[in-house]
Amino acid sequence: MTICCPQLGDAAMRSQVAQAVRSTIKRCRPSFEQWRFSLFRSQSGMGWDLAISGPRFRKVFTLHGPADDLPGLVSAYIEAILPRKASQSTN
């Protein structure tokens, strides 16, 4: 799994976002090693774009909120779009 946040200037925030993505993926879909997550300033300047790509999947979402909320926002979006593992979805 690759996590890229080139426009987040704060190293601690980059680390928090990366950890949030890793823990969410591990919880939801641990087999997603081939996936790439990129977070960058949206072209409009009104938020952040989260690009998720993997085998036969590519999607970009615009997140709105302060940079301090990015780890939670990123985790929430990933959890919302990724299907759960079969063992979790039957509970």
Protein backbone atom coordinates (compact mmCIF):
# COMPACT_ATOMS: atom_id res chain seq x y z
CA MET A 1 0.00 0.00 0.00
CA THR A 2 1.30 3.44 -0.91
CA ILE A 3 0.21 6.59 0.90
CA CYS A 4 1.24 9.94 -0.55
CA CYS A 5 0.50 13.38 0.94
CA PRO A 6 2.93 15.74 -0.82
CA GLN A 7 1.10 18.97 -0.03
CA LEU A 8 0.72 18.37 3.68
CA GLY A 9 3.61 20.40 5.03
CA ASP A 10 3.32 19.15 8.60
CA ALA A 11 5.25 15.88 9.03
CA ALA A 12 3.23 14.92 12.11
CA MET A 13 -0.03 15.38 10.17
CA ARG A 14 1.32 13.27 7.27
CA SER A 15 2.16 10.54 9.77
CA GLN A 16 -1.33 10.72 11.34
CA VAL A 17 -3.03 10.49 7.94
CA ALA A 18 -0.83 7.53 6.92
CA GLN A 19 -1.56 5.73 10.19
CA ALA A 20 -5.31 6.38 9.81
CA VAL A 21 -5.29 4.91 6.29
CA ARG A 22 -3.26 1.86 7.33
CA SER A 23 -5.46 1.06 10.33
CA THR A 24 -8.66 1.51 8.32
CA ILE A 25 -7.44 -0.73 5.50
CA LYS A 26 -6.18 -3.34 7.96
CA ARG A 27 -9.61 -3.37 9.62
CA CYS A 28 -11.69 -3.34 6.41
CA ARG A 29 -9.65 -5.04 3.69
CA PRO A 30 -6.25 -6.35 4.80
CA SER A 31 -5.54 -7.77 1.32
CA PHE A 32 -5.31 -4.29 -0.28
CA GLU A 33 -1.50 -4.16 -0.46
CA GLN A 34 -1.58 -3.08 -4.12
CA TRP A 35 -3.56 0.10 -3.49
CA ARG A 36 -2.43 3.73 -3.63
CA PHE A 37 -3.88 6.59 -1.60
CA SER A 38 -2.95 10.17 -2.46
CA LEU A 39 -4.08 13.27 -0.63
CA PHE A 40 -3.52 16.67 -2.21
CA ARG A 41 -5.00 20.16 -2.28
CA SER A 42 -8.01 20.33 -4.57
CA GLN A 43 -7.66 22.47 -7.68
CA SER A 44 -10.38 24.78 -6.42
CA GLY A 45 -8.43 25.37 -3.21
CA MET A 46 -11.61 24.65 -1.26
CA GLY A 47 -10.62 21.31 0.27
CA TRP A 48 -8.52 18.21 -0.20
CA ASP A 49 -8.74 15.55 -2.89
CA LEU A 50 -8.34 11.93 -1.85
CA ALA A 51 -7.40 9.74 -4.81
CA ILE A 52 -7.79 6.00 -4.30
CA SER A 53 -6.57 3.59 -6.95
CA GLY A 54 -6.13 -0.14 -7.11
CA PRO A 55 -6.80 -3.07 -9.40
CA ARG A 56 -9.78 -2.05 -11.58
CA PHE A 57 -10.62 0.90 -9.30
CA ARG A 58 -9.90 4.63 -9.45
CA LYS A 59 -11.86 7.30 -7.63
CA VAL A 60 -11.20 10.83 -6.40
CA PHE A 61 -13.15 12.36 -3.52
CA THR A 62 -13.08 15.96 -2.32
CA LEU A 63 -12.89 16.29 1.45
CA HIS A 64 -13.96 19.48 3.19
CA GLY A 65 -12.63 20.44 6.58
CA PRO A 66 -9.56 21.79 8.33
CA ALA A 67 -6.24 19.98 7.94
CA ASP A 68 -6.42 18.90 11.60
CA ASP A 69 -9.50 16.80 10.77
CA LEU A 70 -7.92 15.01 7.78
CA PRO A 71 -7.04 11.72 9.54
CA GLY A 72 -10.66 11.25 10.61
CA LEU A 73 -12.10 12.44 7.30
CA VAL A 74 -9.85 10.13 5.28
CA SER A 75 -10.70 7.14 7.50
CA ALA A 76 -14.42 7.85 7.25
CA TYR A 77 -14.36 8.07 3.45
CA ILE A 78 -12.31 4.90 3.08
CA GLU A 79 -14.60 2.98 5.45
CA ALA A 80 -17.66 4.24 3.57
CA ILE A 81 -16.53 3.13 0.11
CA LEU A 82 -14.65 -0.09 0.74
CA PRO A 83 -16.69 -3.26 1.06
CA ARG A 84 -16.28 -5.07 4.34
CA LYS A 85 -14.65 -8.45 4.67
CA ALA A 86 -17.22 -11.26 4.45
CA SER A 87 -16.80 -12.18 8.13
CA GLN A 88 -17.60 -8.60 9.21
CA SER A 89 -20.54 -8.02 6.86
CA THR A 90 -22.51 -10.99 8.21
CA ASN A 91 -22.37 -9.80 11.83
